[in-house]
């Protein structure tokens, strides 16, 4: 299980071509909030933004979940 910081997650989204503005729009947050998370000025998002940002990260840039024992490859 990975344990990336919010800054690393925003950076990973950027590495797959998303801009701060696109991340903000996709998560329903302010551009300044995404910038603050990316630079480490804000340590963690508030409320539902944490869930939305983590979900976006998993969908766009996250590593696929590990296979469970017994699942076909």
N, C-alpha and C. Protein backbone atom coordinates (compact mmCIF):
# COMPACT_ATOMS: atom_id res chain seq x y z
N UNK A 1 0.85 -1.18 0.00
CA UNK A 1 0.00 0.00 0.00
C UNK A 1 0.89 1.24 0.00
N UNK A 2 0.60 2.16 -0.89
CA UNK A 2 1.41 3.36 -0.97
C UNK A 2 0.94 4.40 0.03
N UNK A 3 1.83 5.28 0.41
CA UNK A 3 1.49 6.32 1.37
C UNK A 3 2.12 7.62 0.88
N UNK A 4 1.52 8.22 -0.13
CA UNK A 4 2.06 9.44 -0.71
C UNK A 4 1.47 10.66 -0.03
N UNK A 5 2.27 11.71 0.05
CA UNK A 5 1.76 12.97 0.58
C UNK A 5 0.81 13.59 -0.43
N UNK A 6 0.04 14.57 0.01
CA UNK A 6 -0.85 15.28 -0.92
C UNK A 6 -0.05 15.99 -1.99
N UNK A 7 1.08 16.51 -1.60
CA UNK A 7 1.96 17.18 -2.57
C UNK A 7 2.41 16.19 -3.65
N UNK A 8 2.76 14.99 -3.24
CA UNK A 8 3.18 13.96 -4.20
C UNK A 8 2.03 13.53 -5.11
N UNK A 9 0.82 13.49 -4.56
CA UNK A 9 -0.34 13.12 -5.37
C UNK A 9 -0.64 14.19 -6.41
N UNK A 10 -0.57 15.46 -6.02
CA UNK A 10 -0.78 16.53 -7.00
C UNK A 10 0.34 16.48 -8.05
N UNK A 11 1.56 16.25 -7.62
CA UNK A 11 2.67 16.13 -8.56
C UNK A 11 2.49 14.98 -9.53
N UNK A 12 1.96 13.87 -9.05
CA UNK A 12 1.71 12.71 -9.92
C UNK A 12 0.64 13.05 -10.95
N UNK A 13 -0.39 13.78 -10.54
CA UNK A 13 -1.42 14.20 -11.49
C UNK A 13 -0.83 15.13 -12.54
N UNK A 14 0.07 16.00 -12.13
CA UNK A 14 0.74 16.88 -13.09
C UNK A 14 1.59 16.06 -14.06
N UNK A 15 2.21 15.01 -13.56
CA UNK A 15 3.10 14.21 -14.41
C UNK A 15 2.33 13.46 -15.49
N UNK A 16 1.02 13.29 -15.30
CA UNK A 16 0.21 12.66 -16.35
C UNK A 16 -0.51 13.72 -17.18
N UNK A 17 -0.09 14.97 -17.03
CA UNK A 17 -0.56 16.03 -17.91
C UNK A 17 -1.63 16.96 -17.37
N UNK A 18 -2.04 16.79 -16.12
CA UNK A 18 -3.06 17.68 -15.57
C UNK A 18 -2.43 18.96 -15.02
N UNK A 19 -3.11 20.07 -15.21
CA UNK A 19 -2.68 21.34 -14.64
C UNK A 19 -3.38 21.54 -13.31
N UNK A 20 -2.88 22.50 -12.52
CA UNK A 20 -3.56 22.84 -11.26
C UNK A 20 -5.02 23.17 -11.53
N UNK A 21 -5.27 23.94 -12.59
CA UNK A 21 -6.64 24.35 -12.93
C UNK A 21 -7.51 23.13 -13.23
N UNK A 22 -6.99 22.17 -13.96
CA UNK A 22 -7.76 20.96 -14.28
C UNK A 22 -8.02 20.13 -13.03
N UNK A 23 -7.02 20.04 -12.16
CA UNK A 23 -7.19 19.30 -10.90
C UNK A 23 -8.24 19.99 -10.04
N UNK A 24 -8.16 21.31 -9.95
CA UNK A 24 -9.14 22.08 -9.16
C UNK A 24 -10.55 21.88 -9.71
N UNK A 25 -10.70 21.96 -11.02
CA UNK A 25 -12.02 21.78 -11.63
C UNK A 25 -12.55 20.37 -11.39
N UNK A 26 -11.70 19.38 -11.56
CA UNK A 26 -12.12 17.99 -11.40
C UNK A 26 -12.51 17.65 -9.97
N UNK A 27 -11.94 18.38 -9.00
CA UNK A 27 -12.23 18.10 -7.60
C UNK A 27 -13.18 19.11 -6.97
N UNK A 28 -13.58 20.13 -7.74
CA UNK A 28 -14.49 21.13 -7.21
C UNK A 28 -13.87 22.01 -6.16
N UNK A 29 -12.57 22.28 -6.30
CA UNK A 29 -11.86 23.10 -5.32
C UNK A 29 -11.27 24.33 -5.98
N UNK A 30 -10.72 25.19 -5.17
CA UNK A 30 -10.10 26.41 -5.68
C UNK A 30 -8.69 26.11 -6.19
N UNK A 31 -8.30 26.83 -7.23
CA UNK A 31 -6.96 26.70 -7.78
C UNK A 31 -5.91 26.94 -6.70
N UNK A 32 -6.14 27.94 -5.86
CA UNK A 32 -5.18 28.26 -4.80
C UNK A 32 -5.04 27.11 -3.80
N UNK A 33 -6.11 26.36 -3.58
CA UNK A 33 -6.04 25.22 -2.67
C UNK A 33 -5.13 24.14 -3.24
N UNK A 34 -5.28 23.86 -4.53
CA UNK A 34 -4.44 22.84 -5.17
C UNK A 34 -2.98 23.30 -5.15
N UNK A 35 -2.74 24.58 -5.43
CA UNK A 35 -1.38 25.11 -5.37
C UNK A 35 -0.78 24.99 -3.98
N UNK A 36 -1.58 25.27 -2.97
CA UNK A 36 -1.09 25.16 -1.59
C UNK A 36 -0.76 23.73 -1.21
N UNK A 37 -1.57 22.79 -1.67
CA UNK A 37 -1.28 21.38 -1.42
C UNK A 37 -0.02 20.94 -2.16
N UNK A 38 0.13 21.40 -3.39
CA UNK A 38 1.28 21.01 -4.21
C UNK A 38 2.59 21.50 -3.63
N UNK A 39 2.58 22.69 -3.06
CA UNK A 39 3.81 23.27 -2.51
C UNK A 39 4.07 22.88 -1.07
N UNK A 40 3.09 22.24 -0.45
CA UNK A 40 3.24 21.85 0.95
C UNK A 40 2.81 22.93 1.92
N UNK A 41 2.35 24.07 1.40
CA UNK A 41 1.87 25.14 2.28
C UNK A 41 0.67 24.64 3.10
N UNK A 42 -0.21 23.90 2.44
CA UNK A 42 -1.30 23.23 3.14
C UNK A 42 -0.90 21.76 3.27
N UNK A 43 -1.01 21.20 4.44
CA UNK A 43 -0.57 19.82 4.67
C UNK A 43 -1.60 18.78 4.25
N UNK A 44 -2.88 19.13 4.36
CA UNK A 44 -3.92 18.19 3.94
C UNK A 44 -5.18 18.95 3.56
N UNK A 45 -5.96 18.39 2.63
CA UNK A 45 -7.21 19.04 2.24
C UNK A 45 -8.27 18.85 3.31
N UNK A 46 -9.25 19.72 3.27
CA UNK A 46 -10.35 19.63 4.24
C UNK A 46 -11.54 18.89 3.64
N UNK A 47 -12.30 18.27 4.50
CA UNK A 47 -13.58 17.68 4.14
C UNK A 47 -13.53 16.72 2.97
N UNK A 48 -14.53 16.86 2.12
CA UNK A 48 -14.69 15.94 0.98
C UNK A 48 -13.59 16.09 -0.06
N UNK A 49 -12.87 17.20 -0.03
CA UNK A 49 -11.80 17.38 -1.02
C UNK A 49 -10.77 16.27 -0.90
N UNK A 50 -10.49 15.82 0.29
CA UNK A 50 -9.52 14.73 0.46
C UNK A 50 -9.95 13.49 -0.32
N UNK A 51 -11.22 13.15 -0.20
CA UNK A 51 -11.74 11.97 -0.91
C UNK A 51 -11.72 12.20 -2.42
N UNK A 52 -12.17 13.37 -2.87
CA UNK A 52 -12.21 13.66 -4.31
C UNK A 52 -10.81 13.68 -4.91
N UNK A 53 -9.86 14.28 -4.21
CA UNK A 53 -8.49 14.35 -4.73
C UNK A 53 -7.84 12.98 -4.75
N UNK A 54 -8.05 12.20 -3.71
CA UNK A 54 -7.48 10.85 -3.67
C UNK A 54 -8.09 9.98 -4.77
N UNK A 55 -9.39 10.10 -4.99
CA UNK A 55 -10.05 9.34 -6.05
C UNK A 55 -9.50 9.72 -7.42
N UNK A 56 -9.36 11.02 -7.66
CA UNK A 56 -8.80 11.49 -8.93
C UNK A 56 -7.38 10.95 -9.11
N UNK A 57 -6.60 11.01 -8.05
CA UNK A 57 -5.23 10.48 -8.10
C UNK A 57 -5.24 9.00 -8.49
N UNK A 58 -6.08 8.21 -7.84
CA UNK A 58 -6.13 6.78 -8.16
C UNK A 58 -6.58 6.53 -9.59
N UNK A 59 -7.55 7.30 -10.06
CA UNK A 59 -8.07 7.12 -11.42
C UNK A 59 -7.05 7.51 -12.49
N UNK A 60 -6.33 8.57 -12.24
CA UNK A 60 -5.46 9.12 -13.29
C UNK A 60 -3.99 8.76 -13.15
N UNK A 61 -3.50 8.65 -11.92
CA UNK A 61 -2.05 8.52 -11.76
C UNK A 61 -1.63 7.45 -10.77
N UNK A 62 -2.56 6.90 -10.04
CA UNK A 62 -2.21 5.92 -9.01
C UNK A 62 -1.79 4.60 -9.59
N UNK A 63 -1.11 3.84 -8.79
CA UNK A 63 -0.73 2.50 -9.19
C UNK A 63 -1.95 1.60 -9.08
N UNK A 64 -2.10 0.65 -10.00
CA UNK A 64 -3.24 -0.25 -9.89
C UNK A 64 -3.17 -1.05 -8.60
N UNK A 65 -4.32 -1.38 -8.03
CA UNK A 65 -4.30 -2.15 -6.78
C UNK A 65 -3.65 -3.52 -7.00
N UNK A 66 -3.01 -4.00 -5.97
CA UNK A 66 -2.37 -5.32 -6.04
C UNK A 66 -3.44 -6.39 -6.18
N UNK A 67 -3.13 -7.42 -6.92
CA UNK A 67 -4.05 -8.54 -7.08
C UNK A 67 -4.21 -9.26 -5.75
N UNK A 68 -5.43 -9.70 -5.48
CA UNK A 68 -5.68 -10.49 -4.29
C UNK A 68 -5.30 -11.93 -4.58
N UNK A 69 -4.97 -12.63 -3.54
CA UNK A 69 -4.61 -14.04 -3.70
C UNK A 69 -5.77 -14.78 -4.36
N UNK A 70 -5.47 -15.55 -5.35
CA UNK A 70 -6.47 -16.35 -6.03
C UNK A 70 -7.11 -15.68 -7.23
N UNK A 71 -6.87 -14.40 -7.47
CA UNK A 71 -7.44 -13.73 -8.63
C UNK A 71 -6.63 -14.03 -9.86
N UNK A 72 -7.31 -14.14 -10.97
CA UNK A 72 -6.63 -14.37 -12.24
C UNK A 72 -5.86 -13.14 -12.66
N UNK A 73 -4.73 -13.36 -13.31
CA UNK A 73 -3.91 -12.25 -13.76
C UNK A 73 -4.47 -11.60 -15.00
